Amino acid sequence: MSAPRTSDNALECDWGTAAAWTFTVTNNGSAFSVTGKTLKFMVKAKLTDADADAIVTYTTTPNLAISGSGSNIITITLAAAAFASLSAYDTHNLVFGLKDVTEEAILAQGTLKVLPAVVRAT
C-alpha cells in the first residue's frame, strides 16, 4: 500500500479571517477512511521548526472534522484569531502539514500564505 495523500499543497487565507479547507484522502485512487485515526494539522513558520513551536496545532473538532461516505474527507477550520501572534501588516509564507499519526502517514503538506489585513475593524 502506498501512503495515502491529498492533492492540496498550496493554501492561502487573510489575516484575522476564519478560513476552511477540505482535503480528500485517497490511496491508489480509492477513498481512504480516516475514521478512528489520530489526525494532526500544524502550521509552522519554517519546515525546520520543532512541533512545539508550531503557530497552529489542531487535533480535534471543531477545527478538524471527518466527513463523506468514505470517511475520507477532512475539513480544517481555521479560527479568525489563529494568526494573532503574526503581524497583520505583512504577508507570511508558512508551511503546513496534515498527518495521520496512527499510521505515521503524511496526508498533505505544503505552503500556507497569510495575506495582510488591508481593512481592519477599529
N, C-alpha and C. Protein backbone atom coordinates (compact mmCIF):
# COMPACT_ATOMS: atom_id res chain seq x y z
N MET A 1 0.84 -1.17 0.00
CA MET A 1 0.00 0.00 0.00
C MET A 1 0.89 1.24 0.00
N SER A 2 0.59 2.16 -0.89
CA SER A 2 1.33 3.43 -0.86
C SER A 2 0.72 4.33 0.19
N ALA A 3 1.45 5.36 0.57
CA ALA A 3 0.95 6.27 1.60
C ALA A 3 -0.25 7.04 1.07
N PRO A 4 -1.33 7.12 1.83
CA PRO A 4 -2.47 7.92 1.40
C PRO A 4 -2.09 9.39 1.34
N ARG A 5 -2.65 10.13 0.39
CA ARG A 5 -2.31 11.55 0.21
C ARG A 5 -3.54 12.34 -0.20
N THR A 6 -3.44 13.65 -0.08
CA THR A 6 -4.40 14.55 -0.68
C THR A 6 -3.67 15.28 -1.79
N SER A 7 -4.37 16.07 -2.57
CA SER A 7 -3.73 16.76 -3.68
C SER A 7 -3.51 18.25 -3.41
N ASP A 8 -3.94 18.75 -2.26
CA ASP A 8 -3.83 20.17 -1.97
C ASP A 8 -2.49 20.48 -1.31
N ASN A 9 -1.70 21.37 -1.90
CA ASN A 9 -0.42 21.68 -1.28
C ASN A 9 -0.11 23.17 -1.23
N ALA A 10 -1.03 24.03 -1.64
CA ALA A 10 -0.83 25.48 -1.54
C ALA A 10 -2.13 26.11 -1.02
N LEU A 11 -2.10 26.57 0.23
CA LEU A 11 -3.27 27.18 0.85
C LEU A 11 -3.02 28.67 1.02
N GLU A 12 -4.11 29.43 1.16
CA GLU A 12 -4.00 30.88 1.34
C GLU A 12 -5.18 31.35 2.17
N CYS A 13 -4.93 32.35 3.01
CA CYS A 13 -6.01 32.96 3.79
C CYS A 13 -5.65 34.40 4.13
N ASP A 14 -6.62 35.14 4.61
CA ASP A 14 -6.42 36.52 5.04
C ASP A 14 -6.19 36.56 6.54
N TRP A 15 -5.27 37.41 6.99
CA TRP A 15 -5.00 37.56 8.41
C TRP A 15 -6.28 38.03 9.11
N GLY A 16 -6.60 37.44 10.26
CA GLY A 16 -7.75 37.86 11.06
C GLY A 16 -9.09 37.39 10.55
N THR A 17 -9.11 36.50 9.57
CA THR A 17 -10.35 35.99 8.99
C THR A 17 -10.38 34.48 9.10
N ALA A 18 -11.50 33.92 9.49
CA ALA A 18 -11.63 32.47 9.55
C ALA A 18 -11.53 31.89 8.15
N ALA A 19 -11.01 30.69 8.06
CA ALA A 19 -10.87 30.01 6.76
C ALA A 19 -11.12 28.52 6.95
N ALA A 20 -11.46 27.85 5.87
CA ALA A 20 -11.66 26.40 5.92
C ALA A 20 -11.13 25.77 4.63
N TRP A 21 -10.52 24.61 4.77
CA TRP A 21 -10.03 23.86 3.62
C TRP A 21 -10.49 22.42 3.77
N THR A 22 -10.78 21.81 2.63
CA THR A 22 -11.21 20.42 2.62
C THR A 22 -10.17 19.59 1.88
N PHE A 23 -9.78 18.49 2.51
CA PHE A 23 -8.83 17.55 1.92
C PHE A 23 -9.53 16.22 1.70
N THR A 24 -9.38 15.66 0.51
CA THR A 24 -9.93 14.34 0.22
C THR A 24 -8.77 13.35 0.20
N VAL A 25 -8.83 12.36 1.08
CA VAL A 25 -7.74 11.41 1.25
C VAL A 25 -8.02 10.16 0.42
N THR A 26 -7.06 9.82 -0.43
CA THR A 26 -7.19 8.61 -1.26
C THR A 26 -5.91 7.78 -1.15
N ASN A 27 -6.05 6.52 -1.50
CA ASN A 27 -4.91 5.61 -1.57
C ASN A 27 -5.05 4.86 -2.88
N ASN A 28 -4.13 5.07 -3.80
CA ASN A 28 -4.20 4.46 -5.13
C ASN A 28 -5.52 4.76 -5.83
N GLY A 29 -6.04 5.99 -5.66
CA GLY A 29 -7.26 6.41 -6.33
C GLY A 29 -8.55 6.07 -5.62
N SER A 30 -8.49 5.31 -4.54
CA SER A 30 -9.70 4.93 -3.81
C SER A 30 -9.78 5.70 -2.50
N ALA A 31 -11.02 5.89 -2.02
CA ALA A 31 -11.20 6.57 -0.74
C ALA A 31 -10.44 5.83 0.36
N PHE A 32 -9.78 6.60 1.22
CA PHE A 32 -9.03 6.03 2.35
C PHE A 32 -9.66 6.58 3.63
N SER A 33 -10.36 5.73 4.36
CA SER A 33 -11.06 6.16 5.57
C SER A 33 -10.07 6.57 6.66
N VAL A 34 -10.34 7.71 7.26
CA VAL A 34 -9.52 8.16 8.39
C VAL A 34 -10.32 8.09 9.70
N THR A 35 -11.47 7.45 9.67
CA THR A 35 -12.27 7.27 10.87
C THR A 35 -11.46 6.48 11.90
N GLY A 36 -11.46 6.96 13.12
CA GLY A 36 -10.74 6.28 14.19
C GLY A 36 -9.25 6.56 14.21
N LYS A 37 -8.77 7.32 13.25
CA LYS A 37 -7.35 7.66 13.20
C LYS A 37 -7.09 8.92 14.04
N THR A 38 -5.90 9.05 14.53
CA THR A 38 -5.48 10.27 15.22
C THR A 38 -4.85 11.17 14.18
N LEU A 39 -5.47 12.33 13.96
CA LEU A 39 -5.00 13.27 12.94
C LEU A 39 -4.42 14.51 13.61
N LYS A 40 -3.47 15.14 12.91
CA LYS A 40 -2.86 16.37 13.43
C LYS A 40 -2.60 17.31 12.26
N PHE A 41 -3.03 18.56 12.41
CA PHE A 41 -2.78 19.62 11.44
C PHE A 41 -1.91 20.67 12.13
N MET A 42 -0.80 21.02 11.51
CA MET A 42 0.11 22.01 12.09
C MET A 42 0.50 23.05 11.05
N VAL A 43 0.70 24.27 11.54
CA VAL A 43 1.25 25.35 10.72
C VAL A 43 2.48 25.86 11.43
N LYS A 44 3.57 25.98 10.68
CA LYS A 44 4.84 26.45 11.25
C LYS A 44 5.40 27.58 10.38
N ALA A 45 6.25 28.38 11.00
CA ALA A 45 6.91 29.45 10.25
C ALA A 45 7.91 28.87 9.25
N LYS A 46 8.62 27.81 9.66
CA LYS A 46 9.61 27.15 8.80
C LYS A 46 9.47 25.64 8.95
N LEU A 47 9.82 24.95 7.90
CA LEU A 47 9.75 23.49 7.91
C LEU A 47 10.59 22.89 9.02
N THR A 48 11.69 23.55 9.37
CA THR A 48 12.60 23.02 10.38
C THR A 48 12.19 23.34 11.82
N ASP A 49 11.13 24.11 12.00
CA ASP A 49 10.67 24.43 13.36
C ASP A 49 10.22 23.16 14.08
N ALA A 50 10.46 23.11 15.37
CA ALA A 50 10.00 21.99 16.19
C ALA A 50 8.48 22.03 16.30
N ASP A 51 7.87 20.87 16.49
CA ASP A 51 6.41 20.82 16.66
C ASP A 51 5.96 21.73 17.79
N ALA A 52 6.73 21.81 18.85
CA ALA A 52 6.38 22.66 19.99
C ALA A 52 6.33 24.14 19.62
N ASP A 53 6.96 24.52 18.52
CA ASP A 53 6.99 25.91 18.08
C ASP A 53 5.95 26.22 17.01
N ALA A 54 5.06 25.27 16.73
CA ALA A 54 4.03 25.48 15.71
C ALA A 54 3.16 26.67 16.07
N ILE A 55 2.74 27.41 15.05
CA ILE A 55 1.85 28.55 15.24
C ILE A 55 0.43 28.06 15.49
N VAL A 56 0.06 26.99 14.79
CA VAL A 56 -1.27 26.38 14.92
C VAL A 56 -1.09 24.87 15.04
N THR A 57 -1.82 24.25 15.97
CA THR A 57 -1.89 22.79 16.06
C THR A 57 -3.34 22.42 16.35
N TYR A 58 -3.93 21.64 15.46
CA TYR A 58 -5.30 21.15 15.65
C TYR A 58 -5.28 19.63 15.63
N THR A 59 -6.01 19.03 16.56
CA THR A 59 -6.12 17.57 16.59
C THR A 59 -7.56 17.09 16.73
N THR A 60 -8.48 17.98 17.03
CA THR A 60 -9.86 17.56 17.27
C THR A 60 -10.86 18.54 16.69
N THR A 61 -12.14 18.14 16.70
CA THR A 61 -13.22 19.02 16.28
C THR A 61 -13.32 20.16 17.28
N PRO A 62 -13.79 21.32 16.94
CA PRO A 62 -14.41 21.65 15.66
C PRO A 62 -13.42 22.08 14.58
N ASN A 63 -12.13 22.14 14.91
CA ASN A 63 -11.16 22.61 13.92
C ASN A 63 -10.75 21.55 12.92
N LEU A 64 -10.99 20.29 13.23
CA LEU A 64 -10.60 19.20 12.36
C LEU A 64 -11.75 18.20 12.36
N ALA A 65 -12.43 18.04 11.23
CA ALA A 65 -13.62 17.19 11.15
C ALA A 65 -13.52 16.22 9.98
N ILE A 66 -14.07 15.02 10.16
CA ILE A 66 -14.07 13.97 9.13
C ILE A 66 -15.50 13.81 8.62
N SER A 67 -15.65 13.69 7.29
CA SER A 67 -16.97 13.51 6.71
C SER A 67 -16.86 12.69 5.44
N GLY A 68 -17.97 12.60 4.71
CA GLY A 68 -18.01 11.89 3.43
C GLY A 68 -18.41 10.44 3.59
N SER A 69 -18.99 9.88 2.53
CA SER A 69 -19.45 8.49 2.59
C SER A 69 -18.30 7.52 2.80
N GLY A 70 -17.10 7.88 2.37
CA GLY A 70 -15.94 7.02 2.58
C GLY A 70 -15.13 7.43 3.80
N SER A 71 -15.68 8.35 4.60
CA SER A 71 -14.98 8.88 5.78
C SER A 71 -13.56 9.30 5.42
N ASN A 72 -13.42 9.89 4.24
CA ASN A 72 -12.09 10.28 3.76
C ASN A 72 -11.97 11.76 3.46
N ILE A 73 -12.95 12.55 3.89
CA ILE A 73 -12.90 13.99 3.68
C ILE A 73 -12.60 14.66 5.02
N ILE A 74 -11.53 15.42 5.05
CA ILE A 74 -11.10 16.11 6.26
C ILE A 74 -11.27 17.60 6.02
N THR A 75 -11.99 18.27 6.91
CA THR A 75 -12.14 19.71 6.83
C THR A 75 -11.40 20.35 7.99
N ILE A 76 -10.49 21.25 7.65
CA ILE A 76 -9.75 22.02 8.63
C ILE A 76 -10.40 23.40 8.69
N THR A 77 -10.82 23.83 9.87
CA THR A 77 -11.42 25.14 10.05
C THR A 77 -10.47 25.97 10.90
N LEU A 78 -9.97 27.02 10.29
CA LEU A 78 -9.00 27.90 10.95
C LEU A 78 -9.74 29.04 11.64
N ALA A 79 -9.52 29.20 12.93
CA ALA A 79 -10.15 30.28 13.68
C ALA A 79 -9.60 31.63 13.22
N ALA A 80 -10.43 32.66 13.29
CA ALA A 80 -10.02 34.00 12.87
C ALA A 80 -8.79 34.49 13.64
N ALA A 81 -8.66 34.07 14.89
CA ALA A 81 -7.54 34.52 15.73
C ALA A 81 -6.32 33.61 15.64
N ALA A 82 -6.33 32.65 14.74
CA ALA A 82 -5.24 31.67 14.67
C ALA A 82 -3.87 32.30 14.46
N PHE A 83 -3.81 33.40 13.74
CA PHE A 83 -2.53 34.02 13.44
C PHE A 83 -2.37 35.36 14.15
N ALA A 84 -3.05 35.53 15.28
CA ALA A 84 -2.98 36.79 16.03
C ALA A 84 -1.56 37.13 16.47
N SER A 85 -0.71 36.12 16.61
CA SER A 85 0.67 36.38 17.02
C SER A 85 1.53 36.93 15.87
N LEU A 86 1.02 36.91 14.66
CA LEU A 86 1.75 37.41 13.50
C LEU A 86 1.31 38.84 13.17
N SER A 87 2.18 39.59 12.58
CA SER A 87 1.86 40.96 12.19
C SER A 87 0.73 40.97 11.17
N ALA A 88 -0.23 41.85 11.39
CA ALA A 88 -1.36 42.00 10.46
C ALA A 88 -0.96 42.74 9.20
N TYR A 89 0.23 43.36 9.20
CA TYR A 89 0.64 44.23 8.10
C TYR A 89 1.54 43.56 7.08
N ASP A 90 1.91 42.32 7.31
CA ASP A 90 2.85 41.63 6.43
C ASP A 90 2.24 40.38 5.83
N THR A 91 2.78 39.95 4.70
CA THR A 91 2.45 38.65 4.13
C THR A 91 3.35 37.63 4.80
N HIS A 92 2.77 36.52 5.23
CA HIS A 92 3.53 35.47 5.90
C HIS A 92 3.48 34.21 5.06
N ASN A 93 4.63 33.71 4.68
CA ASN A 93 4.73 32.46 3.92
C ASN A 93 5.11 31.36 4.90
N LEU A 94 4.14 30.52 5.22
CA LEU A 94 4.28 29.49 6.23
C LEU A 94 4.24 28.11 5.58
N VAL A 95 4.41 27.08 6.38
CA VAL A 95 4.28 25.70 5.91
C VAL A 95 3.24 24.99 6.77
N PHE A 96 2.56 24.01 6.18
CA PHE A 96 1.57 23.25 6.93
C PHE A 96 1.77 21.76 6.68
N GLY A 97 1.24 20.97 7.60
CA GLY A 97 1.24 19.53 7.44
C GLY A 97 0.00 18.94 8.05
N LEU A 98 -0.55 17.93 7.40
CA LEU A 98 -1.69 17.17 7.91
C LEU A 98 -1.23 15.74 7.98
N LYS A 99 -1.25 15.16 9.18
CA LYS A 99 -0.67 13.84 9.38
C LYS A 99 -1.67 12.89 10.02
N ASP A 100 -1.65 11.65 9.55
CA ASP A 100 -2.35 10.55 10.21
C ASP A 100 -1.33 9.99 11.19
N VAL A 101 -1.45 10.37 12.45
CA VAL A 101 -0.49 9.97 13.47
C VAL A 101 -0.56 8.45 13.71
N THR A 102 -1.76 7.89 13.59
CA THR A 102 -1.96 6.46 13.80
C THR A 102 -1.11 5.64 12.83
N GLU A 103 -1.14 6.02 11.56
CA GLU A 103 -0.43 5.27 10.51
C GLU A 103 0.96 5.86 10.22
N GLU A 104 1.30 6.96 10.90
CA GLU A 104 2.56 7.67 10.62
C GLU A 104 2.65 8.05 9.14
N ALA A 105 1.54 8.57 8.61
CA ALA A 105 1.47 8.93 7.19
C ALA A 105 1.19 10.42 7.03
N ILE A 106 1.96 11.08 6.19
CA ILE A 106 1.70 12.48 5.84
C ILE A 106 0.58 12.48 4.81
N LEU A 107 -0.54 13.10 5.15
CA LEU A 107 -1.68 13.15 4.24
C LEU A 107 -1.59 14.35 3.30
N ALA A 108 -1.06 15.44 3.81
CA ALA A 108 -0.88 16.65 3.00
C ALA A 108 0.18 17.51 3.64
N GLN A 109 0.90 18.22 2.82
CA GLN A 109 1.84 19.22 3.32
C GLN A 109 2.10 20.21 2.21
N GLY A 110 2.47 21.41 2.59
CA GLY A 110 2.72 22.42 1.57
C GLY A 110 2.88 23.78 2.20
N THR A 111 2.50 24.80 1.44
CA THR A 111 2.65 26.17 1.90
C THR A 111 1.30 26.77 2.26
N LEU A 112 1.35 27.71 3.18
CA LEU A 112 0.16 28.45 3.57
C LEU A 112 0.55 29.92 3.61
N LYS A 113 -0.05 30.70 2.73
CA LYS A 113 0.24 32.14 2.67
C LYS A 113 -0.85 32.89 3.43
N VAL A 114 -0.42 33.67 4.41
CA VAL A 114 -1.34 34.52 5.17
C VAL A 114 -1.16 35.94 4.65
N LEU A 115 -2.22 36.47 4.05
CA LEU A 115 -2.17 37.80 3.45
C LEU A 115 -2.47 38.87 4.49
N PRO A 116 -1.90 40.07 4.32
CA PRO A 116 -2.13 41.13 5.30
C PRO A 116 -3.60 41.57 5.30
N ALA A 117 -4.01 42.08 6.45
CA ALA A 117 -5.36 42.60 6.60
C ALA A 117 -5.38 44.04 6.10
N VAL A 118 -5.83 44.23 4.89
CA VAL A 118 -5.84 45.57 4.29
C VAL A 118 -6.83 46.47 5.03
N VAL A 119 -8.00 45.93 5.31
CA VAL A 119 -9.01 46.67 6.06
C VAL A 119 -9.21 45.99 7.39
N ARG A 120 -9.03 46.74 8.46
CA ARG A 120 -9.18 46.18 9.80
C ARG A 120 -10.26 46.95 10.55
N ALA A 121 -11.04 46.22 11.33
CA ALA A 121 -12.05 46.87 12.17
C ALA A 121 -11.34 47.68 13.24
N THR A 122 -11.91 48.79 13.62
CA THR A 122 -11.31 49.63 14.67
C THR A 122 -12.20 49.67 15.88
